[in-house]
Amino acid sequence: MIILQIAKCVHSRVTNRLPLSLMNIFSYLHYGERNTRQSKARKLCLPKTRTIVATRSIANMGAKIWNSIKPELYIKKEKKR
């Protein structure tokens, strides 16, 4: 249940439906200007942590959960003509 709730929170961030005060909790990895499969996947950065408590934060757990989801589940397929 907790993992599902965290995944919903991250999805709200990805779709820009979180309140502004919570939008900065998650940040994307930057791949530069190249257009690659990884850049389309929109992976989240794992924050640096020093303590066990920090590894259990929503920022850390949310990034781990989101990055473990297959990109095919949330990337829109482009229609071929």
PDB file of N, CA and C in Angstrom:
ATOM      1  N   MET A   1       0.826  -1.195   0.000  1.00  0.00           N
ATOM      2  CA  MET A   1       0.000   0.000   0.000  1.00  0.00           C
ATOM      3  C   MET A   1       0.872   1.260   0.000  1.00  0.00           C
ATOM      4  N   ILE A   2       1.947   1.222   0.778  1.00  0.00           N
ATOM      5  CA  ILE A   2       2.813   2.399   0.853  1.00  0.00           C
ATOM      6  C   ILE A   2       3.488   2.640  -0.492  1.00  0.00           C
ATOM      7  N   ILE A   3       3.960   1.569  -1.126  1.00  0.00           N
ATOM      8  CA  ILE A   3       4.628   1.705  -2.427  1.00  0.00           C
ATOM      9  C   ILE A   3       3.654   2.275  -3.455  1.00  0.00           C
ATOM     10  N   LEU A   4       2.417   1.827  -3.437  1.00  0.00           N
ATOM     11  CA  LEU A   4       1.410   2.337  -4.364  1.00  0.00           C
ATOM     12  C   LEU A   4       1.170   3.829  -4.135  1.00  0.00           C
ATOM     13  N   GLN A   5       1.063   4.249  -2.893  1.00  0.00           N
ATOM     14  CA  GLN A   5       0.829   5.658  -2.589  1.00  0.00           C
ATOM     15  C   GLN A   5       2.018   6.528  -3.017  1.00  0.00           C
ATOM     16  N   ILE A   6       3.234   6.022  -2.806  1.00  0.00           N
ATOM     17  CA  ILE A   6       4.417   6.774  -3.236  1.00  0.00           C
ATOM     18  C   ILE A   6       4.455   6.858  -4.759  1.00  0.00           C
ATOM     19  N   ALA A   7       4.134   5.761  -5.445  1.00  0.00           N
ATOM     20  CA  ALA A   7       4.097   5.765  -6.912  1.00  0.00           C
ATOM     21  C   ALA A   7       3.054   6.749  -7.430  1.00  0.00           C
ATOM     22  N   LYS A   8       1.915   6.842  -6.775  1.00  0.00           N
ATOM     23  CA  LYS A   8       0.888   7.811  -7.172  1.00  0.00           C
ATOM     24  C   LYS A   8       1.386   9.242  -6.988  1.00  0.00           C
ATOM     25  N   CYS A   9       2.123   9.481  -5.906  1.00  0.00           N
ATOM     26  CA  CYS A   9       2.685  10.808  -5.650  1.00  0.00           C
ATOM     27  C   CYS A   9       3.685  11.188  -6.744  1.00  0.00           C
ATOM     28  N   VAL A  10       4.542  10.244  -7.118  1.00  0.00           N
ATOM     29  CA  VAL A  10       5.518  10.515  -8.181  1.00  0.00           C
ATOM     30  C   VAL A  10       4.800  10.747  -9.509  1.00  0.00           C
ATOM     31  N   HIS A  11       3.777   9.962  -9.788  1.00  0.00           N
ATOM     32  CA  HIS A  11       3.024  10.154 -11.029  1.00  0.00           C
ATOM     33  C   HIS A  11       2.385  11.545 -11.058  1.00  0.00           C
ATOM     34  N   SER A  12       1.912  11.991  -9.919  1.00  0.00           N
ATOM     35  CA  SER A  12       1.352  13.344  -9.849  1.00  0.00           C
ATOM     36  C   SER A  12       2.421  14.387 -10.155  1.00  0.00           C
ATOM     37  N   ARG A  13       3.648  14.132  -9.729  1.00  0.00           N
ATOM     38  CA  ARG A  13       4.751  15.056 -10.032  1.00  0.00           C
ATOM     39  C   ARG A  13       5.075  15.043 -11.523  1.00  0.00           C
ATOM     40  N   VAL A  14       5.125  13.860 -12.097  1.00  0.00           N
ATOM     41  CA  VAL A  14       5.466  13.738 -13.515  1.00  0.00           C
ATOM     42  C   VAL A  14       4.406  14.404 -14.383  1.00  0.00           C
ATOM     43  N   THR A  15       3.164  14.338 -13.980  1.00  0.00           N
ATOM     44  CA  THR A  15       2.085  14.955 -14.747  1.00  0.00           C
ATOM     45  C   THR A  15       1.772  16.375 -14.268  1.00  0.00           C
ATOM     46  N   ASN A  16       2.648  16.931 -13.419  1.00  0.00           N
ATOM     47  CA  ASN A  16       2.529  18.314 -12.927  1.00  0.00           C
ATOM     48  C   ASN A  16       1.226  18.586 -12.186  1.00  0.00           C
ATOM     49  N   ARG A  17       0.792  17.636 -11.371  1.00  0.00           N
ATOM     50  CA  ARG A  17      -0.429  17.824 -10.591  1.00  0.00           C
ATOM     51  C   ARG A  17      -0.169  17.940  -9.096  1.00  0.00           C
ATOM     52  N   LEU A  18       1.091  18.023  -8.696  1.00  0.00           N
ATOM     53  CA  LEU A  18       1.412  18.227  -7.285  1.00  0.00           C
ATOM     54  C   LEU A  18       1.386  19.718  -6.966  1.00  0.00           C
ATOM     55  N   PRO A  19       1.134  20.077  -5.724  1.00  0.00           N
ATOM     56  CA  PRO A  19       1.242  21.486  -5.345  1.00  0.00           C
ATOM     57  C   PRO A  19       2.678  21.988  -5.561  1.00  0.00           C
ATOM     58  N   LEU A  20       2.813  23.266  -5.826  1.00  0.00           N
ATOM     59  CA  LEU A  20       4.129  23.844  -6.110  1.00  0.00           C
ATOM     60  C   LEU A  20       5.133  23.597  -4.992  1.00  0.00           C
ATOM     61  N   SER A  21       4.663  23.558  -3.765  1.00  0.00           N
ATOM     62  CA  SER A  21       5.573  23.350  -2.645  1.00  0.00           C
ATOM     63  C   SER A  21       6.201  21.958  -2.653  1.00  0.00           C
ATOM     64  N   LEU A  22       5.589  20.997  -3.339  1.00  0.00           N
ATOM     65  CA  LEU A  22       6.111  19.640  -3.392  1.00  0.00           C
ATOM     66  C   LEU A  22       6.776  19.284  -4.723  1.00  0.00           C
ATOM     67  N   MET A  23       6.706  20.168  -5.699  1.00  0.00           N
ATOM     68  CA  MET A  23       7.245  19.860  -7.026  1.00  0.00           C
ATOM     69  C   MET A  23       8.759  19.669  -7.009  1.00  0.00           C
ATOM     70  N   ASN A  24       9.468  20.319  -6.100  1.00  0.00           N
ATOM     71  CA  ASN A  24      10.926  20.245  -6.091  1.00  0.00           C
ATOM     72  C   ASN A  24      11.471  19.030  -5.358  1.00  0.00           C
ATOM     73  N   ILE A  25      10.618  18.187  -4.829  1.00  0.00           N
ATOM     74  CA  ILE A  25      11.079  16.986  -4.131  1.00  0.00           C
ATOM     75  C   ILE A  25      11.772  16.045  -5.112  1.00  0.00           C
ATOM     76  N   PHE A  26      11.221  15.926  -6.309  1.00  0.00           N
ATOM     77  CA  PHE A  26      11.764  15.023  -7.321  1.00  0.00           C
ATOM     78  C   PHE A  26      12.391  15.831  -8.444  1.00  0.00           C
ATOM     79  N   SER A  27      13.534  15.361  -8.935  1.00  0.00           N
ATOM     80  CA  SER A  27      14.162  16.014 -10.084  1.00  0.00           C
ATOM     81  C   SER A  27      14.592  14.952 -11.081  1.00  0.00           C
ATOM     82  N   TYR A  28      14.637  15.339 -12.343  1.00  0.00           N
ATOM     83  CA  TYR A  28      14.969  14.418 -13.422  1.00  0.00           C
ATOM     84  C   TYR A  28      16.469  14.348 -13.646  1.00  0.00           C
ATOM     85  N   LEU A  29      16.922  13.196 -14.139  1.00  0.00           N
ATOM     86  CA  LEU A  29      18.301  13.070 -14.595  1.00  0.00           C
ATOM     87  C   LEU A  29      18.438  13.840 -15.898  1.00  0.00           C
ATOM     88  N   HIS A  30      19.582  14.454 -16.110  1.00  0.00           N
ATOM     89  CA  HIS A  30      19.805  15.208 -17.340  1.00  0.00           C
ATOM     90  C   HIS A  30      20.759  14.436 -18.233  1.00  0.00           C
ATOM     91  N   TYR A  31      20.370  14.243 -19.478  1.00  0.00           N
ATOM     92  CA  TYR A  31      21.187  13.510 -20.437  1.00  0.00           C
ATOM     93  C   TYR A  31      21.778  14.434 -21.494  1.00  0.00           C
ATOM     94  N   GLY A  32      21.731  15.728 -21.273  1.00  0.00           N
ATOM     95  CA  GLY A  32      22.245  16.665 -22.261  1.00  0.00           C
ATOM     96  C   GLY A  32      21.254  16.852 -23.390  1.00  0.00           C
ATOM     97  N   GLU A  33      21.773  17.201 -24.535  1.00  0.00           N
ATOM     98  CA  GLU A  33      20.918  17.503 -25.685  1.00  0.00           C
ATOM     99  C   GLU A  33      20.596  16.277 -26.534  1.00  0.00           C
ATOM    100  N   ARG A  34      21.213  15.156 -26.239  1.00  0.00           N
ATOM    101  CA  ARG A  34      20.991  13.961 -27.049  1.00  0.00           C
ATOM    102  C   ARG A  34      19.611  13.375 -26.785  1.00  0.00           C
ATOM    103  N   ASN A  35      19.004  12.882 -27.843  1.00  0.00           N
ATOM    104  CA  ASN A  35      17.695  12.246 -27.755  1.00  0.00           C
ATOM    105  C   ASN A  35      17.904  10.738 -27.770  1.00  0.00           C
ATOM    106  N   THR A  36      17.909  10.125 -26.602  1.00  0.00           N
ATOM    107  CA  THR A  36      18.159   8.689 -26.481  1.00  0.00           C
ATOM    108  C   THR A  36      16.968   8.013 -25.833  1.00  0.00           C
ATOM    109  N   ARG A  37      17.000   6.681 -25.823  1.00  0.00           N
ATOM    110  CA  ARG A  37      15.918   5.938 -25.154  1.00  0.00           C
ATOM    111  C   ARG A  37      15.887   6.274 -23.671  1.00  0.00           C
ATOM    112  N   GLN A  38      17.057   6.430 -23.067  1.00  0.00           N
ATOM    113  CA  GLN A  38      17.114   6.753 -21.642  1.00  0.00           C
ATOM    114  C   GLN A  38      16.547   8.139 -21.366  1.00  0.00           C
ATOM    115  N   SER A  39      16.801   9.095 -22.261  1.00  0.00           N
ATOM    116  CA  SER A  39      16.283  10.445 -22.026  1.00  0.00           C
ATOM    117  C   SER A  39      14.762  10.479 -22.144  1.00  0.00           C
ATOM    118  N   LYS A  40      14.196   9.603 -22.984  1.00  0.00           N
ATOM    119  CA  LYS A  40      12.740   9.535 -23.100  1.00  0.00           C
ATOM    120  C   LYS A  40      12.116   8.893 -21.864  1.00  0.00           C
ATOM    121  N   ALA A  41      12.876   8.078 -21.155  1.00  0.00           N
ATOM    122  CA  ALA A  41      12.347   7.360 -20.001  1.00  0.00           C
ATOM    123  C   ALA A  41      12.095   8.283 -18.819  1.00  0.00           C
ATOM    124  N   ARG A  42      12.731   9.462 -18.816  1.00  0.00           N
ATOM    125  CA  ARG A  42      12.515  10.453 -17.753  1.00  0.00           C
ATOM    126  C   ARG A  42      12.774   9.855 -16.369  1.00  0.00           C
ATOM    127  N   LYS A  43      13.971   9.344 -16.179  1.00  0.00           N
ATOM    128  CA  LYS A  43      14.365   8.783 -14.890  1.00  0.00           C
ATOM    129  C   LYS A  43      14.559   9.901 -13.874  1.00  0.00           C
ATOM    130  N   LEU A  44      14.325   9.596 -12.608  1.00  0.00           N
ATOM    131  CA  LEU A  44      14.475  10.563 -11.531  1.00  0.00           C
ATOM    132  C   LEU A  44      15.831  10.408 -10.850  1.00  0.00           C
ATOM    133  N   CYS A  45      16.364  11.509 -10.371  1.00  0.00           N
ATOM    134  CA  CYS A  45      17.633  11.490  -9.630  1.00  0.00           C
ATOM    135  C   CYS A  45      17.402  10.917  -8.240  1.00  0.00           C
ATOM    136  N   LEU A  46      18.333  10.085  -7.805  1.00  0.00           N
ATOM    137  CA  LEU A  46      18.319   9.625  -6.423  1.00  0.00           C
ATOM    138  C   LEU A  46      19.071  10.652  -5.594  1.00  0.00           C
ATOM    139  N   PRO A  47      18.431  11.197  -4.575  1.00  0.00           N
ATOM    140  CA  PRO A  47      19.138  12.182  -3.748  1.00  0.00           C
ATOM    141  C   PRO A  47      20.254  11.519  -2.946  1.00  0.00           C
ATOM    142  N   LYS A  48      21.310  12.274  -2.685  1.00  0.00           N
ATOM    143  CA  LYS A  48      22.400  11.754  -1.866  1.00  0.00           C
ATOM    144  C   LYS A  48      21.927  11.669  -0.422  1.00  0.00           C
ATOM    145  N   THR A  49      22.201  10.531   0.186  1.00  0.00           N
ATOM    146  CA  THR A  49      21.765  10.319   1.567  1.00  0.00           C
ATOM    147  C   THR A  49      22.950   9.878   2.416  1.00  0.00           C
ATOM    148  N   ARG A  50      22.892  10.256   3.685  1.00  0.00           N
ATOM    149  CA  ARG A  50      23.940   9.851   4.620  1.00  0.00           C
ATOM    150  C   ARG A  50      23.404   8.963   5.729  1.00  0.00           C
ATOM    151  N   THR A  51      22.106   8.955   5.924  1.00  0.00           N
ATOM    152  CA  THR A  51      21.530   8.214   7.044  1.00  0.00           C
ATOM    153  C   THR A  51      20.459   7.245   6.554  1.00  0.00           C
ATOM    154  N   ILE A  52      20.130   6.308   7.397  1.00  0.00           N
ATOM    155  CA  ILE A  52      19.082   5.343   7.079  1.00  0.00           C
ATOM    156  C   ILE A  52      17.729   6.041   6.981  1.00  0.00           C
ATOM    157  N   VAL A  53      17.517   7.028   7.819  1.00  0.00           N
ATOM    158  CA  VAL A  53      16.254   7.776   7.795  1.00  0.00           C
ATOM    159  C   VAL A  53      16.080   8.469   6.441  1.00  0.00           C
ATOM    160  N   ALA A  54      17.144   9.036   5.916  1.00  0.00           N
ATOM    161  CA  ALA A  54      17.071   9.721   4.624  1.00  0.00           C
ATOM    162  C   ALA A  54      16.792   8.744   3.483  1.00  0.00           C
ATOM    163  N   THR A  55      17.273   7.513   3.591  1.00  0.00           N
ATOM    164  CA  THR A  55      16.999   6.527   2.535  1.00  0.00           C
ATOM    165  C   THR A  55      15.534   6.107   2.522  1.00  0.00           C
ATOM    166  N   ARG A  56      14.830   6.375   3.607  1.00  0.00           N
ATOM    167  CA  ARG A  56      13.407   6.040   3.681  1.00  0.00           C
ATOM    168  C   ARG A  56      12.504   7.234   3.404  1.00  0.00           C
ATOM    169  N   SER A  57      13.079   8.324   2.930  1.00  0.00           N
ATOM    170  CA  SER A  57      12.289   9.518   2.633  1.00  0.00           C
ATOM    171  C   SER A  57      11.498   9.311   1.346  1.00  0.00           C
ATOM    172  N   ILE A  58      10.476  10.129   1.156  1.00  0.00           N
ATOM    173  CA  ILE A  58       9.645  10.000  -0.041  1.00  0.00           C
ATOM    174  C   ILE A  58      10.445  10.369  -1.295  1.00  0.00           C
ATOM    175  N   ALA A  59      11.401  11.275  -1.175  1.00  0.00           N
ATOM    176  CA  ALA A  59      12.218  11.645  -2.334  1.00  0.00           C
ATOM    177  C   ALA A  59      13.064  10.467  -2.797  1.00  0.00           C
ATOM    178  N   ASN A  60      13.656   9.755  -1.877  1.00  0.00           N
ATOM    179  CA  ASN A  60      14.505   8.616  -2.222  1.00  0.00           C
ATOM    180  C   ASN A  60      13.664   7.414  -2.663  1.00  0.00           C
ATOM    181  N   MET A  61      12.665   7.071  -1.881  1.00  0.00           N
ATOM    182  CA  MET A  61      11.823   5.922  -2.217  1.00  0.00           C
ATOM    183  C   MET A  61      11.052   6.156  -3.515  1.00  0.00           C
ATOM    184  N   GLY A  62      10.560   7.385  -3.703  1.00  0.00           N
ATOM    185  CA  GLY A  62       9.825   7.696  -4.923  1.00  0.00           C
ATOM    186  C   GLY A  62      10.676   7.554  -6.164  1.00  0.00           C
ATOM    187  N   ALA A  63      11.914   8.031  -6.108  1.00  0.00           N
ATOM    188  CA  ALA A  63      12.817   7.908  -7.253  1.00  0.00           C
ATOM    189  C   ALA A  63      13.132   6.445  -7.539  1.00  0.00           C
ATOM    190  N   LYS A  64      13.373   5.658  -6.499  1.00  0.00           N
ATOM    191  CA  LYS A  64      13.670   4.236  -6.697  1.00  0.00           C
ATOM    192  C   LYS A  64      12.482   3.503  -7.312  1.00  0.00           C
ATOM    193  N   ILE A  65      11.293   3.778  -6.804  1.00  0.00           N
ATOM    194  CA  ILE A  65      10.093   3.115  -7.319  1.00  0.00           C
ATOM    195  C   ILE A  65       9.841   3.514  -8.766  1.00  0.00           C
ATOM    196  N   TRP A  66       9.905   4.811  -9.066  1.00  0.00           N
ATOM    197  CA  TRP A  66       9.641   5.292 -10.425  1.00  0.00           C
ATOM    198  C   TRP A  66      10.673   4.740 -11.411  1.00  0.00           C
ATOM    199  N   ASN A  67      11.939   4.716 -11.009  1.00  0.00           N
ATOM    200  CA  ASN A  67      12.984   4.221 -11.900  1.00  0.00           C
ATOM    201  C   ASN A  67      12.898   2.714 -12.114  1.00  0.00           C
ATOM    202  N   SER A  68      12.222   2.000 -11.226  1.00  0.00           N
ATOM    203  CA  SER A  68      12.088   0.553 -11.389  1.00  0.00           C
ATOM    204  C   SER A  68      10.933   0.176 -12.322  1.00  0.00           C
ATOM    205  N   ILE A  69      10.049   1.113 -12.609  1.00  0.00           N
ATOM    206  CA  ILE A  69       8.919   0.860 -13.502  1.00  0.00           C
ATOM    207  C   ILE A  69       9.427   0.862 -14.945  1.00  0.00           C
ATOM    208  N   LYS A  70       8.962  -0.074 -15.740  1.00  0.00           N
ATOM    209  CA  LYS A  70       9.366  -0.138 -17.146  1.00  0.00           C
ATOM    210  C   LYS A  70       8.853   1.100 -17.873  1.00  0.00           C
ATOM    211  N   PRO A  71       9.717   1.770 -18.652  1.00  0.00           N
ATOM    212  CA  PRO A  71       9.293   2.983 -19.369  1.00  0.00           C
ATOM    213  C   PRO A  71       8.135   2.732 -20.330  1.00  0.00           C
ATOM    214  N   GLU A  72       7.994   1.511 -20.826  1.00  0.00           N
ATOM    215  CA  GLU A  72       6.898   1.215 -21.759  1.00  0.00           C
ATOM    216  C   GLU A  72       5.537   1.442 -21.120  1.00  0.00           C
ATOM    217  N   LEU A  73       5.480   1.420 -19.807  1.00  0.00           N
ATOM    218  CA  LEU A  73       4.201   1.587 -19.123  1.00  0.00           C
ATOM    219  C   LEU A  73       3.744   3.037 -19.054  1.00  0.00           C
ATOM    220  N   TYR A  74       4.684   3.987 -19.148  1.00  0.00           N
ATOM    221  CA  TYR A  74       4.274   5.377 -19.024  1.00  0.00           C
ATOM    222  C   TYR A  74       4.713   6.276 -20.183  1.00  0.00           C
ATOM    223  N   ILE A  75       5.446   5.750 -21.158  1.00  0.00           N
ATOM    224  CA  ILE A  75       5.804   6.543 -22.331  1.00  0.00           C
ATOM    225  C   ILE A  75       4.743   6.320 -23.390  1.00  0.00           C
ATOM    226  N   LYS A  76       4.230   7.413 -23.927  1.00  0.00           N
ATOM    227  CA  LYS A  76       3.222   7.305 -24.966  1.00  0.00           C
ATOM    228  C   LYS A  76       3.876   6.810 -26.256  1.00  0.00           C
ATOM    229  N   LYS A  77       3.225   5.871 -26.889  1.00  0.00           N
ATOM    230  CA  LYS A  77       3.720   5.344 -28.146  1.00  0.00           C
ATOM    231  C   LYS A  77       3.409   6.332 -29.259  1.00  0.00           C
ATOM    232  N   GLU A  78       4.403   6.558 -30.127  1.00  0.00           N
ATOM    233  CA  GLU A  78       4.172   7.430 -31.270  1.00  0.00           C
ATOM    234  C   GLU A  78       3.519   6.601 -32.372  1.00  0.00           C
ATOM    235  N   LYS A  79       2.517   7.170 -33.005  1.00  0.00           N
ATOM    236  CA  LYS A  79       1.818   6.461 -34.066  1.00  0.00           C
ATOM    237  C   LYS A  79       2.659   6.466 -35.335  1.00  0.00           C
ATOM    238  N   LYS A  80       2.749   5.295 -35.964  1.00  0.00           N
ATOM    239  CA  LYS A  80       3.465   5.199 -37.227  1.00  0.00           C
ATOM    240  C   LYS A  80       2.477   5.430 -38.353  1.00  0.00           C
ATOM    241  N   ARG A  81       2.910   6.184 -39.330  1.00  0.00           N
ATOM    242  CA  ARG A  81       2.014   6.489 -40.471  1.00  0.00           C
ATOM    243  C   ARG A  81       2.346   5.661 -41.649  1.00  0.00           C
TER     244      ARG A  81
END
